[in-house]
Amino acid sequence: MSEPSAVHTTDAGEASGWRRSAACSGLSPAVVFARRAADAAPALRACARCPVQRQCEETVAPADTWFDGVSAGRLWRNGQPVALDGTHR
């Protein structure tokens, strides 16, 4: 079963450009769309060195789309950032 795409845009060329540069581009969708911090850890580590965090957050718009998974260095559940280590990131 295929995971949903995190990108919601009308300009597929622009979206694929930044997605190719994303540090998470080679990770399994199960990791990128994980709901638990332990499962999402590889994606969160990738975000720490990602050059396209801003484009990721703007395109995914996690707070506006009830997103579940990792976007722009944060783990999101139902569009809300998940507290990691006792703080919101």
Protein backbone atom coordinates (compact mmCIF):
# COMPACT_ATOMS: atom_id res chain seq x y z
CA MET A 1 0.00 0.00 0.00
CA SER A 2 1.38 3.38 -0.97
CA GLU A 3 1.65 6.23 1.52
CA PRO A 4 0.04 9.57 0.69
CA SER A 5 2.26 12.28 -0.68
CA ALA A 6 3.13 15.04 1.76
CA VAL A 7 3.15 17.57 -1.05
CA HIS A 8 -0.03 19.41 -1.97
CA THR A 9 0.85 21.77 -4.80
CA THR A 10 -0.21 22.59 -8.31
CA ASP A 11 3.37 23.08 -9.52
CA ALA A 12 4.74 19.52 -9.53
CA GLY A 13 8.07 20.63 -11.02
CA GLU A 14 8.70 23.07 -8.20
CA ALA A 15 7.67 20.54 -5.57
CA SER A 16 9.87 17.79 -6.93
CA GLY A 17 12.83 20.20 -7.07
CA TRP A 18 12.92 20.84 -3.34
CA ARG A 19 11.88 17.27 -2.54
CA ARG A 20 14.96 15.94 -4.35
CA SER A 21 17.08 18.17 -2.08
CA ALA A 22 15.30 17.06 1.10
CA ALA A 23 17.44 15.10 3.54
CA CYS A 24 14.56 12.64 4.02
CA SER A 25 14.12 11.89 0.31
CA GLY A 26 15.53 8.36 0.61
CA LEU A 27 13.67 7.40 3.77
CA SER A 28 10.73 5.04 3.90
CA PRO A 29 7.30 6.69 3.94
CA ALA A 30 6.63 4.66 7.11
CA VAL A 31 9.35 6.72 8.82
CA VAL A 32 8.37 10.10 7.37
CA PHE A 33 4.67 9.59 8.17
CA ALA A 34 5.25 7.96 11.58
CA ARG A 35 3.07 9.12 14.46
CA ARG A 36 5.46 8.07 17.25
CA ALA A 37 8.77 9.80 18.00
CA ALA A 38 10.68 6.52 18.20
CA ASP A 39 9.49 5.50 14.73
CA ALA A 40 10.09 8.99 13.30
CA ALA A 41 13.60 9.36 14.76
CA PRO A 42 15.45 8.79 11.44
CA ALA A 43 13.34 11.48 9.73
CA LEU A 44 13.82 13.90 12.61
CA ARG A 45 17.60 13.37 12.42
CA ALA A 46 17.48 13.98 8.67
CA CYS A 47 15.57 17.23 9.24
CA ALA A 48 18.34 18.51 11.49
CA ARG A 49 20.64 18.72 8.44
CA CYS A 50 18.02 19.46 5.78
CA PRO A 51 18.52 22.46 3.49
CA VAL A 52 14.83 22.76 2.54
CA GLN A 53 13.00 22.86 5.89
CA ARG A 54 11.24 26.13 5.02
CA GLN A 55 9.93 24.82 1.68
CA CYS A 56 8.82 21.61 3.39
CA GLU A 57 6.77 23.41 6.02
CA GLU A 58 5.29 25.85 3.50
CA THR A 59 4.26 23.09 1.11
CA VAL A 60 3.08 20.50 3.62
CA ALA A 61 1.39 23.15 5.82
CA PRO A 62 1.07 20.66 8.68
CA ALA A 63 -1.01 22.90 10.94
CA ASP A 64 -3.50 23.58 8.16
CA THR A 65 -3.83 20.00 6.89
CA TRP A 66 -4.03 17.94 10.08
CA PHE A 67 -0.75 16.35 8.99
CA ASP A 68 0.67 13.26 10.69
CA GLY A 69 4.41 12.72 10.36
CA VAL A 70 7.64 14.67 10.14
CA SER A 71 7.82 18.06 8.45
CA ALA A 72 10.36 20.87 8.86
CA GLY A 73 12.16 19.32 11.81
CA ARG A 74 9.06 18.56 13.87
CA LEU A 75 6.84 15.57 14.47
CA TRP A 76 3.20 16.43 13.85
CA ARG A 77 0.05 14.62 14.91
CA ASN A 78 -3.32 15.88 13.70
CA GLY A 79 -1.66 19.13 12.63
CA GLN A 80 -0.17 19.84 16.06
CA PRO A 81 3.54 19.64 16.93
CA VAL A 82 4.28 16.73 19.25
CA ALA A 83 6.21 17.45 22.43
CA LEU A 84 9.64 15.85 22.26
CA ASP A 85 11.74 15.65 25.41
CA GLY A 86 9.10 17.59 27.30
CA THR A 87 9.07 20.64 24.97
CA HIS A 88 7.40 21.62 21.73
CA ARG A 89 9.87 22.08 18.93
